[in-house]
Amino acid sequence: MKKTGINASPGIAIAKAFVYVKRELDVTERVIENIADEKNRFEAAVELSRVQLGAIHDKAVAELGEEEAAIFEAHAMFLDDPEFVGTIGNEIDGGINAESATQKTIDTFYAMFDAMDDPYFKGRAADIKDVGTRILHNLLGVAMVDISNLDEDTIILAEDLAPSDTATMDKAHVKGFATDIGSRTSHTAIMARSLEIPAVLGLDDITTSVKDGDTIIVDGSEGVVIVDPTNAEIAEYKAKKEAYEAYRAELAGLKDQPAETIDGHRVEIVGNIGSPADVEGVLDNGGEGVGLYRTEFLYMNSEVMPDEEKQFAAYKTVIESFKDGAVIIRTLDIGGDKKLPYLPLEEELNPFLGLRAVRLCFQKEDLFKTQLRAILRASVFGKARIMFPMVGNVDEVKQAKALVKACMAELDAESKAYDKDIEIGVMIEIPSAAITADIIAEEAAFFSIGTNDLCQYTLAVDRMNQNVSYLYDPLHPAILRLVKNVIDASNAKESCFTGMCGEMAGDPYATLILLGMGMHEFSMSASSIPQIKKIIRSVTFEQAKAIADEALSMTNSTDIRSMITAKMDEMGIKLL
């Protein structure tokens, strides 16, 4: 039997299956009389959960490193979150037992995060469930299923894997995993890639299609699982596994090499990060700087509005990490599906087209200026750039730049240092900005194309809606033409450059097109950097320009993708 799912983490594993079924918890609502005792019982379960998460964090630091272990610090923060824990406490105050109060709150928060469009925040739904389920186990006195000590090489099959599952599992014996649900942006996928464990997610019914002990093959590169393979298939995939591991070794050797074509055309390859903890991954994979620092995570992980000093410290840490490379700091991109408990906003009929990002910052000027001051003060510790998100026209750029100048004047009056020549750019994610890029270029030092939203707005597709997600396609001719227009606009102005920080920048099937269009900077998740660098170093700039011209002349993405695949095959460019 062959099943196809989401290729979440590349590589090939061949081993016996272990069907990981979690215990069903019996949560029954009961009316309680002694509310104080019930709250004490809940608090004891929270404290035990805190101790357990601390142990998991320490284990993750030792085995995965600080970057991946940071998720468990975030999990522990849920235990102190007044919104999450406070909501459970309020439910108990209403006279119901702690288990039922916890389950109700888990369901509410899970639904809220799962409904968000941003894949990062959507993935946090699993974190809420993981933390909440741990509290429930402790309330009920039911031990969690243990996969930390296995007897033989195993491929884990599960409905889903929580971050704590992947952190505590037996790394020596778990060779791969496959799940019924999940996405490439879930922590299951992120940790699998960090651990370099092949993983295929979203297989719907893998846990009911396979029995413990069945031999299976997991091909995380192609998103394929083969159950009960033939001897010929086993031999075929063993050869693929050897070839894959040799290619990984080749990519690792490119860490300190520039992203330069055979004929000497050089571009920048940088990383997308959400916190200072993510810097290590960018450096380890050969990233030259940061093309997108998502500062909203600093706000999301705080119980109160982060003040200027807290922001300054975070930005300074990141900037100092790159001696020669620049760090592009995106100003607060909140609103829409991203909400802060301490910043109440009105409900909107269509929040993705509403008060969010720079539009919100214009209304909350004090909040905006606090962040701008922090960025400016940090800018003297390296090369920093400021980027405004959700810009739709040149007047918004002028308005934002005026606030930067006002902050500079304040810092001058206070005798506080900052980079007086700091570059200011905009994120191009609204079609109106892409179409009028030549006008905006007069006010911007750089563009960074956010293809995630640009695709959604241009194609009128919610990529998280399974009914229409097939229409979401970065290689759609309309998207390629908009990207080309933005690049041409920056190239027409000597002091302006174009980068890309959307997922398309790390898509190997888009690399040669973007390179040939003349894009200057590719910003992506750290794990994608080596492969994109390899592709760029495998061609001449003239070859890439010819491929881009051909792609721009084509009428549909299917033909474009086929053409790219054929060209890479001709050039001997392999993919993970």
Protein backbone atom coordinates (compact mmCIF):
# COMPACT_ATOMS: atom_id res chain seq x y z
CA MET A 1 0.00 0.00 0.00
CA LYS A 2 1.31 3.45 -0.94
CA LYS A 3 -0.04 6.62 0.70
CA THR A 4 0.75 10.25 -0.11
CA GLY A 5 0.76 13.13 2.38
CA ILE A 6 2.67 16.33 3.20
CA ASN A 7 6.46 16.15 2.80
CA ALA A 8 7.19 17.75 6.17
CA SER A 9 10.82 16.72 6.70
CA PRO A 10 13.10 15.29 3.99
CA GLY A 11 14.94 11.98 4.07
CA ILE A 12 14.13 8.28 3.94
CA ALA A 13 13.50 5.83 6.78
CA ILE A 14 12.85 2.09 6.64
CA ALA A 15 11.80 0.40 9.89
CA LYS A 16 9.04 -1.30 11.86
CA ALA A 17 5.89 0.68 12.65
CA PHE A 18 4.90 1.70 16.16
CA VAL A 19 1.30 2.95 16.34
CA TYR A 20 1.34 5.61 19.04
CA VAL A 21 -2.17 5.89 20.45
CA LYS A 22 -2.66 8.28 23.33
CA ARG A 23 -4.92 7.38 26.22
CA GLU A 24 -8.45 8.72 26.04
CA LEU A 25 -9.14 10.97 29.01
CA ASP A 26 -12.53 10.73 30.71
CA VAL A 27 -13.49 14.33 31.38
CA THR A 28 -16.94 14.57 32.92
CA GLU A 29 -18.42 17.81 34.14
CA ARG A 30 -19.34 17.82 37.83
CA VAL A 31 -20.79 20.46 40.10
CA ILE A 32 -18.45 21.24 42.98
CA GLU A 33 -19.20 22.81 46.34
CA ASN A 34 -15.74 23.65 47.67
CA ILE A 35 -14.37 26.00 45.04
CA ALA A 36 -11.23 26.85 47.05
CA ASP A 37 -10.20 23.18 47.29
CA GLU A 38 -10.84 22.69 43.56
CA LYS A 39 -8.69 25.68 42.68
CA ASN A 40 -5.92 24.36 44.93
CA ARG A 41 -6.11 21.02 43.10
CA PHE A 42 -5.87 22.82 39.76
CA GLU A 43 -2.90 24.90 40.93
CA ALA A 44 -1.11 21.73 42.07
CA ALA A 45 -1.63 20.20 38.62
CA VAL A 46 -0.26 23.38 37.00
CA GLU A 47 2.81 23.31 39.25
CA LEU A 48 3.46 19.65 38.44
CA SER A 49 3.12 20.49 34.73
CA ARG A 50 5.65 23.28 35.19
CA VAL A 51 8.16 20.86 36.73
CA GLN A 52 7.60 18.34 33.92
CA LEU A 53 8.04 20.98 31.22
CA GLY A 54 11.25 22.15 32.91
CA ALA A 55 12.64 18.61 32.69
CA ILE A 56 11.58 18.32 29.04
CA HIS A 57 13.19 21.70 28.30
CA ASP A 58 16.50 20.61 29.84
CA LYS A 59 16.43 17.37 27.84
CA ALA A 60 15.63 19.29 24.66
CA VAL A 61 18.53 21.72 25.26
CA ALA A 62 20.94 18.80 25.60
CA GLU A 63 19.66 16.93 22.55
CA LEU A 64 18.30 19.66 20.24
CA GLY A 65 19.95 22.90 21.34
CA GLU A 66 18.60 26.15 22.76
CA GLU A 67 16.76 27.14 19.58
CA GLU A 68 14.40 24.15 19.48
CA ALA A 69 14.11 23.91 23.27
CA ALA A 70 12.70 27.44 23.38
CA ILE A 71 9.26 26.06 22.53
CA PHE A 72 9.04 24.56 26.01
CA GLU A 73 9.79 27.90 27.60
CA ALA A 74 6.82 29.20 25.59
CA HIS A 75 4.74 26.24 26.83
CA ALA A 76 5.64 27.07 30.42
CA MET A 77 4.50 30.65 29.79
CA PHE A 78 1.00 29.33 29.06
CA LEU A 79 0.93 28.13 32.66
CA ASP A 80 1.34 31.74 33.80
CA ASP A 81 -0.82 33.30 31.09
CA PRO A 82 -3.66 35.18 32.83
CA GLU A 83 -5.87 34.68 29.77
CA PHE A 84 -5.43 30.89 29.66
CA VAL A 85 -5.09 30.03 33.36
CA GLY A 86 -7.41 32.86 34.36
CA THR A 87 -10.16 31.55 32.08
CA ILE A 88 -9.89 28.12 33.70
CA GLY A 89 -10.05 29.74 37.14
CA ASN A 90 -13.16 31.65 36.15
CA GLU A 91 -14.81 28.43 34.98
CA ILE A 92 -14.03 26.81 38.34
CA ASP A 93 -15.46 29.86 40.09
CA GLY A 94 -18.66 29.10 38.20
CA GLY A 95 -18.95 25.86 40.16
CA ILE A 96 -17.58 23.18 37.82
CA ASN A 97 -14.70 20.76 38.36
CA ALA A 98 -11.16 21.61 37.28
CA GLU A 99 -11.00 18.90 34.57
CA SER A 100 -14.10 20.21 32.81
CA ALA A 101 -12.97 23.83 33.21
CA THR A 102 -9.60 22.97 31.67
CA GLN A 103 -11.12 21.03 28.77
CA LYS A 104 -13.54 23.86 27.95
CA THR A 105 -10.69 26.38 27.93
CA ILE A 106 -8.49 24.16 25.78
CA ASP A 107 -11.32 23.82 23.25
CA THR A 108 -11.93 27.59 23.18
CA PHE A 109 -8.27 28.58 22.74
CA TYR A 110 -7.58 25.77 20.28
CA ALA A 111 -10.47 26.91 18.07
CA MET A 112 -9.28 30.52 18.24
CA PHE A 113 -5.71 29.74 17.13
CA ASP A 114 -6.75 27.09 14.60
CA ALA A 115 -8.99 29.64 12.87
CA MET A 116 -6.06 32.03 12.31
CA ASP A 117 -4.73 32.36 8.79
CA ASP A 118 -1.06 32.86 9.66
CA PRO A 119 0.54 29.39 9.62
CA TYR A 120 2.75 30.17 12.60
CA PHE A 121 -0.15 31.13 14.84
CA LYS A 122 -2.30 28.34 13.45
CA GLY A 123 0.44 25.97 14.57
CA ARG A 124 0.17 27.31 18.11
CA ALA A 125 -3.18 25.58 18.44
CA ALA A 126 -1.24 22.34 18.94
CA ASP A 127 0.83 24.00 21.67
CA ILE A 128 -2.31 24.97 23.59
CA LYS A 129 -3.61 21.43 23.28
CA ASP A 130 -0.28 19.96 24.38
CA VAL A 131 -0.03 22.11 27.52
CA GLY A 132 -3.71 21.71 28.39
CA THR A 133 -3.61 17.94 27.94
CA ARG A 134 -0.64 17.74 30.29
CA ILE A 135 -2.64 19.61 32.96
CA LEU A 136 -5.56 17.21 32.42
CA HIS A 137 -3.34 14.15 32.85
CA ASN A 138 -2.03 15.57 36.10
CA LEU A 139 -5.52 16.40 37.35
CA LEU A 140 -6.72 12.90 36.57
CA GLY A 141 -3.56 11.17 37.79
CA VAL A 142 -3.11 9.43 34.44
CA ALA A 143 0.47 8.99 33.21
CA MET A 144 1.22 10.13 29.66
CA VAL A 145 2.25 7.43 27.15
CA ASP A 146 6.04 7.11 27.10
CA ILE A 147 8.03 6.80 23.84
CA SER A 148 11.33 7.82 25.39
CA ASN A 149 12.75 4.31 25.68
CA LEU A 150 12.20 1.99 22.70
CA ASP A 151 13.72 -1.43 22.10
CA GLU A 152 14.35 -1.24 18.33
CA ASP A 153 14.48 1.09 15.34
CA THR A 154 10.97 2.39 14.86
CA ILE A 155 8.80 4.66 12.73
CA ILE A 156 6.21 6.37 14.92
CA LEU A 157 2.67 6.56 13.54
CA ALA A 158 0.28 8.89 15.34
CA GLU A 159 -2.82 10.98 14.81
CA ASP A 160 -0.57 13.94 15.63
CA LEU A 161 2.62 14.47 17.61
CA ALA A 162 2.80 17.22 20.21
CA PRO A 163 6.07 19.15 20.65
CA SER A 164 6.62 17.32 23.95
CA ASP A 165 6.29 13.98 22.12
CA THR A 166 9.01 14.83 19.63
CA ALA A 167 11.26 16.30 22.33
CA THR A 168 11.10 13.30 24.65
CA MET A 169 11.03 10.42 22.18
CA ASP A 170 13.94 7.99 21.91
CA LYS A 171 16.13 9.73 19.29
CA ALA A 172 18.38 6.69 18.93
CA HIS A 173 15.55 4.44 17.77
CA VAL A 174 12.97 6.74 16.14
CA LYS A 175 13.95 6.82 12.47
CA GLY A 176 10.90 8.61 11.10
CA PHE A 177 7.27 9.40 11.71
CA ALA A 178 3.98 9.78 9.91
CA THR A 179 0.73 11.33 11.15
CA ASP A 180 -2.93 11.50 10.23
CA ILE A 181 -3.01 15.30 10.53
CA GLY A 182 -0.51 18.19 10.58
CA SER A 183 1.13 20.77 8.32
CA ARG A 184 4.62 21.87 7.26
CA THR A 185 4.42 24.79 9.71
CA SER A 186 3.44 22.72 12.76
CA HIS A 187 5.98 22.14 15.51
CA THR A 188 5.91 18.46 14.60
CA ALA A 189 7.30 19.38 11.18
CA ILE A 190 9.70 22.01 12.52
CA MET A 191 11.21 19.64 15.08
CA ALA A 192 11.40 16.80 12.56
CA ARG A 193 13.48 19.01 10.26
CA SER A 194 15.66 20.12 13.16
CA LEU A 195 16.26 16.51 14.20
CA GLU A 196 16.70 15.54 10.52
CA ILE A 197 14.08 12.82 10.97
CA PRO A 198 12.05 12.02 7.82
CA ALA A 199 8.36 12.84 8.32
CA VAL A 200 5.17 12.68 6.28
CA LEU A 201 2.08 14.37 7.73
CA GLY A 202 -1.59 14.69 6.82
CA LEU A 203 -2.10 11.05 5.76
CA ASP A 204 -5.69 10.98 7.14
CA ASP A 205 -5.80 7.36 8.31
CA ILE A 206 -2.25 6.03 8.64
CA THR A 207 -2.85 4.98 12.26
CA THR A 208 -5.76 2.74 11.27
CA SER A 209 -4.16 1.44 8.06
CA VAL A 210 -1.01 0.04 9.68
CA LYS A 211 -0.41 -2.43 12.52
CA ASP A 212 2.41 -2.45 15.06
CA GLY A 213 5.39 -4.30 13.59
CA ASP A 214 4.53 -3.72 9.93
CA THR A 215 7.57 -2.76 7.85
CA ILE A 216 7.11 0.68 6.30
CA ILE A 217 9.09 3.18 4.27
CA VAL A 218 8.78 6.91 4.96
CA ASP A 219 9.99 9.15 2.14
CA GLY A 220 9.86 12.62 3.68
CA SER A 221 11.25 14.22 0.52
CA GLU A 222 8.37 13.09 -1.70
CA GLY A 223 5.69 12.84 1.02
CA VAL A 224 5.19 9.11 0.47
CA VAL A 225 4.67 6.20 2.88
CA ILE A 226 4.88 2.60 1.62
CA VAL A 227 3.36 -0.09 3.83
CA ASP A 228 4.68 -3.67 3.60
CA PRO A 229 7.14 -2.87 0.76
CA THR A 230 8.51 -5.51 -1.60
CA ASN A 231 12.18 -6.51 -1.51
CA ALA A 232 12.69 -4.53 -4.71
CA GLU A 233 11.16 -1.40 -3.12
CA ILE A 234 13.33 -1.79 -0.03
CA ALA A 235 16.45 -2.03 -2.21
CA GLU A 236 15.34 1.00 -4.26
CA TYR A 237 14.78 3.16 -1.19
CA LYS A 238 18.00 2.06 0.49
CA ALA A 239 19.84 3.39 -2.56
CA LYS A 240 17.81 6.64 -2.41
CA LYS A 241 18.67 6.98 1.28
CA GLU A 242 22.40 6.69 0.56
CA ALA A 243 22.17 9.27 -2.23
CA TYR A 244 20.20 11.63 0.01
CA GLU A 245 22.74 11.42 2.83
CA ALA A 246 25.60 12.10 0.41
CA TYR A 247 23.75 15.17 -0.89
CA ARG A 248 23.18 16.44 2.66
CA ALA A 249 26.92 16.21 3.29
CA GLU A 250 27.56 18.18 0.10
CA LEU A 251 25.13 20.93 1.18
CA ALA A 252 26.75 21.18 4.61
CA GLY A 253 30.03 21.97 2.89
CA LEU A 254 28.52 25.14 1.38
CA LYS A 255 27.96 26.85 4.75
CA ASP A 256 30.73 29.42 4.34
CA GLN A 257 30.42 29.76 0.56
CA PRO A 258 28.67 32.78 -1.00
CA ALA A 259 25.39 32.56 -2.91
CA GLU A 260 27.09 33.25 -6.22
CA THR A 261 26.38 31.97 -9.72
CA ILE A 262 29.04 30.27 -11.83
CA ASP A 263 29.65 33.53 -13.72
CA GLY A 264 30.04 35.63 -10.57
CA HIS A 265 26.58 37.15 -10.01
CA ARG A 266 26.08 37.34 -6.25
CA VAL A 267 22.90 37.57 -4.20
CA GLU A 268 22.22 37.50 -0.46
CA ILE A 269 20.68 34.52 1.31
CA VAL A 270 19.34 35.41 4.74
CA GLY A 271 16.92 33.99 7.28
CA ASN A 272 13.44 34.64 8.63
CA ILE A 273 13.33 34.69 12.43
CA GLY A 274 10.79 35.27 15.19
CA SER A 275 13.12 35.74 18.17
CA PRO A 276 16.81 35.97 19.11
CA ALA A 277 16.72 32.20 19.73
CA ASP A 278 16.28 31.63 15.97
CA VAL A 279 19.58 33.31 15.06
CA GLU A 280 21.64 30.18 15.74
CA GLY A 281 19.80 28.22 13.05
CA VAL A 282 20.44 30.94 10.46
CA LEU A 283 24.15 31.06 11.25
CA ASP A 284 24.51 27.27 11.35
CA ASN A 285 23.01 27.00 7.87
CA GLY A 286 25.17 29.71 6.32
CA GLY A 287 22.72 32.63 6.36
CA GLU A 288 24.34 36.04 5.91
CA GLY A 289 21.82 38.05 7.92
CA VAL A 290 18.11 38.41 8.65
CA GLY A 291 15.64 39.35 5.94
CA LEU A 292 12.61 39.27 8.22
CA TYR A 293 12.55 39.67 11.99
CA ARG A 294 8.92 39.10 12.96
CA THR A 295 8.74 41.37 16.00
CA GLU A 296 5.13 40.46 16.82
CA PHE A 297 6.36 37.33 18.62
CA LEU A 298 8.01 39.58 21.20
CA TYR A 299 4.54 41.00 21.87
CA MET A 300 2.70 37.67 21.67
CA ASN A 301 5.02 36.09 24.24
CA SER A 302 4.54 38.90 26.75
CA GLU A 303 1.76 39.32 29.29
CA VAL A 304 2.02 43.12 28.98
CA MET A 305 3.08 45.48 26.24
CA PRO A 306 6.90 45.12 25.95
CA ASP A 307 8.52 48.40 26.84
CA GLU A 308 11.33 50.16 24.99
CA GLU A 309 14.10 48.55 27.05
CA LYS A 310 12.84 45.00 26.54
CA GLN A 311 12.54 45.56 22.79
CA PHE A 312 15.91 47.28 22.59
CA ALA A 313 17.60 44.29 24.28
CA ALA A 314 16.02 41.81 21.86
CA TYR A 315 16.85 43.80 18.73
CA LYS A 316 20.41 44.49 19.96
CA THR A 317 21.03 40.77 20.53
CA VAL A 318 20.02 39.88 16.99
CA ILE A 319 21.88 42.75 15.34
CA GLU A 320 25.11 41.94 17.20
CA SER A 321 24.90 38.31 16.04
CA PHE A 322 25.69 39.31 12.44
CA LYS A 323 29.04 41.05 12.11
CA ASP A 324 28.79 41.72 8.39
CA GLY A 325 25.15 41.03 7.51
CA ALA A 326 22.11 43.25 7.86
CA VAL A 327 19.04 42.62 10.00
CA ILE A 328 15.68 43.73 8.61
CA ILE A 329 13.32 44.41 11.49
CA ARG A 330 9.65 44.39 10.50
CA THR A 331 7.59 46.71 12.65
CA LEU A 332 4.64 45.29 14.55
CA ASP A 333 2.37 43.20 12.33
CA ILE A 334 -0.59 42.63 14.61
CA GLY A 335 -4.34 42.73 14.04
CA GLY A 336 -6.39 40.59 11.70
CA ASP A 337 -5.96 37.07 13.03
CA LYS A 338 -3.16 38.04 15.43
CA LYS A 339 -4.45 39.53 18.67
CA LEU A 340 -2.89 40.64 21.92
CA PRO A 341 -4.80 40.09 25.18
CA TYR A 342 -3.64 43.46 26.50
CA LEU A 343 -4.55 45.35 23.29
CA PRO A 344 -8.31 45.06 22.79
CA LEU A 345 -9.47 45.63 19.22
CA GLU A 346 -12.95 45.80 17.77
CA GLU A 347 -14.24 42.70 16.01
CA GLU A 348 -14.13 43.14 12.23
CA LEU A 349 -16.19 41.48 9.53
CA ASN A 350 -13.06 40.88 7.43
CA PRO A 351 -10.01 41.36 9.66
CA PHE A 352 -7.48 40.45 6.95
CA LEU A 353 -8.55 43.56 5.07
CA GLY A 354 -8.98 45.61 8.21
CA LEU A 355 -7.06 47.38 10.95
CA ARG A 356 -3.74 45.57 11.08
CA ALA A 357 0.02 46.05 10.77
CA VAL A 358 1.11 49.60 9.89
CA ARG A 359 -2.54 50.74 9.75
CA LEU A 360 -2.94 49.79 13.41
CA CYS A 361 0.39 51.39 14.29
CA PHE A 362 -0.77 54.71 12.85
CA GLN A 363 -3.77 54.58 15.21
CA LYS A 364 -1.60 53.50 18.17
CA GLU A 365 1.14 56.05 17.65
CA ASP A 366 2.65 55.76 21.15
CA LEU A 367 3.01 52.01 20.70
CA PHE A 368 4.58 52.53 17.28
CA LYS A 369 7.06 55.14 18.47
CA THR A 370 8.16 52.95 21.38
CA GLN A 371 9.14 50.25 18.90
CA LEU A 372 10.81 52.67 16.49
CA ARG A 373 12.89 54.18 19.29
CA ALA A 374 14.02 50.72 20.39
CA ILE A 375 15.03 49.77 16.84
CA LEU A 376 16.88 53.03 16.31
CA ARG A 377 18.82 52.69 19.57
CA ALA A 378 19.79 49.10 18.69
CA SER A 379 20.88 50.12 15.19
CA VAL A 380 24.29 51.37 16.38
CA PHE A 381 25.33 47.81 17.28
CA GLY A 382 25.48 46.60 13.68
CA LYS A 383 23.58 46.93 10.41
CA ALA A 384 19.84 47.33 10.99
CA ARG A 385 17.06 48.14 8.56
CA ILE A 386 13.44 49.09 9.31
CA MET A 387 10.59 47.58 7.29
CA PHE A 388 6.92 48.56 7.35
CA PRO A 389 4.32 45.82 6.67
CA MET A 390 0.95 46.03 4.90
CA VAL A 391 1.81 49.20 2.98
CA GLY A 392 -0.68 49.95 0.21
CA ASN A 393 0.47 53.33 -1.10
CA VAL A 394 3.32 55.82 -1.02
CA ASP A 395 1.55 58.18 1.41
CA GLU A 396 1.69 55.50 4.11
CA VAL A 397 5.44 55.24 3.58
CA LYS A 398 5.81 58.98 3.97
CA GLN A 399 3.67 58.93 7.13
CA ALA A 400 5.73 56.13 8.67
CA LYS A 401 9.03 57.80 7.77
CA ALA A 402 7.82 61.02 9.40
CA LEU A 403 7.32 59.11 12.66
CA VAL A 404 10.84 57.69 12.37
CA LYS A 405 12.19 61.23 11.99
CA ALA A 406 10.19 62.32 15.03
CA CYS A 407 11.76 59.51 17.05
CA MET A 408 15.21 60.50 15.81
CA ALA A 409 14.59 64.04 17.01
CA GLU A 410 13.57 62.74 20.45
CA LEU A 411 16.73 60.61 20.68
CA ASP A 412 18.86 63.58 19.61
CA ALA A 413 17.33 65.64 22.40
CA GLU A 414 18.15 62.84 24.87
CA SER A 415 21.70 62.44 23.49
CA LYS A 416 21.02 58.78 22.63
CA ALA A 417 22.91 57.29 19.71
CA TYR A 418 21.38 55.71 16.62
CA ASP A 419 22.32 55.06 12.99
CA LYS A 420 21.43 58.31 11.29
CA ASP A 421 21.64 56.60 7.87
CA ILE A 422 19.44 53.61 8.75
CA GLU A 423 17.72 52.24 5.65
CA ILE A 424 13.92 52.19 5.58
CA GLY A 425 11.95 49.86 3.35
CA VAL A 426 8.53 48.34 2.87
CA MET A 427 7.03 44.90 2.65
CA ILE A 428 5.25 44.40 -0.66
CA GLU A 429 2.26 42.18 0.09
CA ILE A 430 -0.68 44.19 -1.26
CA PRO A 431 -1.25 44.21 -5.05
CA SER A 432 -1.63 47.99 -5.09
CA ALA A 433 1.91 48.31 -3.69
CA ALA A 434 3.30 45.81 -6.22
CA ILE A 435 1.67 47.65 -9.12
CA THR A 436 2.88 51.10 -7.97
CA ALA A 437 6.33 49.91 -6.86
CA ASP A 438 7.96 52.53 -9.10
CA ILE A 439 6.20 55.28 -7.14
CA ILE A 440 6.97 53.74 -3.73
CA ALA A 441 10.61 53.25 -4.74
CA GLU A 442 11.07 57.02 -4.53
CA GLU A 443 10.54 56.76 -0.76
CA ALA A 444 12.00 53.31 0.00
CA ALA A 445 15.56 52.02 0.28
CA PHE A 446 14.39 48.47 -0.32
CA PHE A 447 11.43 46.19 -0.93
CA SER A 448 10.80 42.78 0.60
CA ILE A 449 8.07 40.83 -1.15
CA GLY A 450 5.77 38.96 1.22
CA THR A 451 4.42 36.36 -1.18
CA ASN A 452 2.19 34.63 1.37
CA ASP A 453 -0.26 37.53 1.54
CA LEU A 454 0.49 38.80 -1.98
CA CYS A 455 -0.69 35.48 -3.39
CA GLN A 456 -3.80 35.42 -1.22
CA TYR A 457 -4.81 38.98 -2.06
CA THR A 458 -4.00 38.69 -5.76
CA LEU A 459 -5.60 35.29 -6.33
CA ALA A 460 -8.47 35.80 -3.83
CA VAL A 461 -7.57 32.51 -2.14
CA ASP A 462 -7.45 31.59 1.53
CA ARG A 463 -4.64 29.06 1.50
CA MET A 464 -5.85 27.59 4.80
CA ASN A 465 -9.27 26.82 3.30
CA GLN A 466 -8.99 23.24 2.06
CA ASN A 467 -11.78 23.80 -0.45
CA VAL A 468 -9.84 26.41 -2.41
CA SER A 469 -6.22 26.01 -1.26
CA TYR A 470 -5.36 24.29 -4.57
CA LEU A 471 -5.76 27.70 -6.22
CA TYR A 472 -3.00 29.19 -4.07
CA ASP A 473 0.02 29.11 -6.38
CA PRO A 474 3.12 31.35 -6.19
CA LEU A 475 4.03 30.37 -9.77
CA HIS A 476 0.74 31.71 -11.15
CA PRO A 477 1.62 34.06 -14.05
CA ALA A 478 -0.06 36.97 -12.23
CA ILE A 479 2.24 36.54 -9.23
CA LEU A 480 5.36 36.25 -11.40
CA ARG A 481 4.43 39.41 -13.28
CA LEU A 482 3.86 41.35 -10.04
CA VAL A 483 7.19 40.14 -8.64
CA LYS A 484 8.96 41.15 -11.86
CA ASN A 485 7.35 44.58 -11.71
CA VAL A 486 8.64 45.13 -8.17
CA ILE A 487 12.16 43.98 -9.03
CA ASP A 488 12.26 46.16 -12.15
CA ALA A 489 11.11 49.17 -10.13
CA SER A 490 13.94 48.76 -7.62
CA ASN A 491 16.52 48.07 -10.33
CA ALA A 492 15.50 51.30 -12.06
CA LYS A 493 16.54 53.20 -8.93
CA GLU A 494 20.20 52.88 -8.05
CA SER A 495 19.75 53.00 -4.28
CA CYS A 496 16.86 50.50 -3.98
CA PHE A 497 16.94 46.69 -3.90
CA THR A 498 14.35 43.91 -3.76
CA GLY A 499 14.29 40.91 -1.47
CA MET A 500 11.65 38.31 -0.74
CA CYS A 501 10.67 36.96 2.68
CA GLY A 502 7.60 34.90 1.79
CA GLU A 503 7.67 31.12 1.48
CA MET A 504 8.30 31.44 -2.26
CA ALA A 505 11.87 32.60 -1.46
CA GLY A 506 12.66 29.15 -0.09
CA ASP A 507 10.85 27.23 -2.84
CA PRO A 508 13.49 25.48 -5.00
CA TYR A 509 11.13 25.52 -8.00
CA ALA A 510 11.02 29.32 -7.87
CA THR A 511 14.74 29.97 -7.25
CA LEU A 512 15.96 30.12 -10.85
CA ILE A 513 13.05 32.33 -11.92
CA LEU A 514 13.61 34.81 -9.07
CA LEU A 515 17.36 34.80 -9.66
CA GLY A 516 16.88 35.43 -13.36
CA MET A 517 14.45 38.28 -12.69
CA GLY A 518 17.26 40.05 -10.85
CA MET A 519 16.11 39.64 -7.25
CA HIS A 520 18.83 40.71 -4.83
CA GLU A 521 17.99 38.93 -1.57
CA PHE A 522 16.34 35.61 -0.66
CA SER A 523 15.06 35.32 2.93
CA MET A 524 13.72 31.99 4.21
CA SER A 525 13.55 29.53 7.08
CA ALA A 526 17.04 28.49 8.17
CA SER A 527 16.69 24.88 7.05
CA SER A 528 16.01 25.94 3.44
CA ILE A 529 19.19 28.01 3.07
CA PRO A 530 21.69 25.27 2.03
CA GLN A 531 19.55 23.92 -0.82
CA ILE A 532 18.72 27.35 -2.28
CA LYS A 533 22.39 28.32 -2.08
CA LYS A 534 23.32 25.11 -3.93
CA ILE A 535 20.84 25.86 -6.75
CA ILE A 536 22.18 29.39 -7.20
CA ARG A 537 25.78 28.14 -7.30
CA SER A 538 24.88 25.55 -9.97
CA VAL A 539 23.94 27.95 -12.81
CA THR A 540 25.12 31.03 -14.63
CA PHE A 541 23.18 34.25 -14.30
CA GLU A 542 22.58 34.18 -18.05
CA GLN A 543 20.97 30.73 -17.77
CA ALA A 544 18.74 31.97 -14.96
CA LYS A 545 17.68 35.03 -16.99
CA ALA A 546 16.70 32.83 -19.92
CA ILE A 547 14.64 30.60 -17.62
CA ALA A 548 12.91 33.62 -16.06
CA ASP A 549 12.07 35.03 -19.50
CA GLU A 550 10.63 31.68 -20.57
CA ALA A 551 8.55 31.40 -17.39
CA LEU A 552 7.16 34.91 -17.87
CA SER A 553 6.06 34.02 -21.39
CA MET A 554 4.05 30.97 -20.25
CA THR A 555 0.33 30.93 -19.54
CA ASN A 556 -0.08 28.60 -16.55
CA SER A 557 1.80 27.40 -13.50
CA THR A 558 1.62 23.72 -14.45
CA ASP A 559 3.69 24.34 -17.58
CA ILE A 560 6.03 26.65 -15.66
CA ARG A 561 6.69 24.01 -13.00
CA SER A 562 7.26 21.33 -15.64
CA MET A 563 9.69 23.59 -17.46
CA ILE A 564 11.64 24.31 -14.26
CA THR A 565 11.79 20.61 -13.39
CA ALA A 566 13.13 19.77 -16.84
CA LYS A 567 15.74 22.56 -16.73
CA MET A 568 17.01 21.46 -13.32
CA ASP A 569 17.22 17.87 -14.55
CA GLU A 570 19.25 19.02 -17.57
CA MET A 571 21.61 20.93 -15.30
CA GLY A 572 21.95 18.05 -12.86
CA ILE A 573 20.42 20.05 -9.99
CA LYS A 574 19.17 17.66 -7.32
CA LEU A 575 16.61 18.49 -4.62
CA LEU A 576 16.28 17.16 -1.11
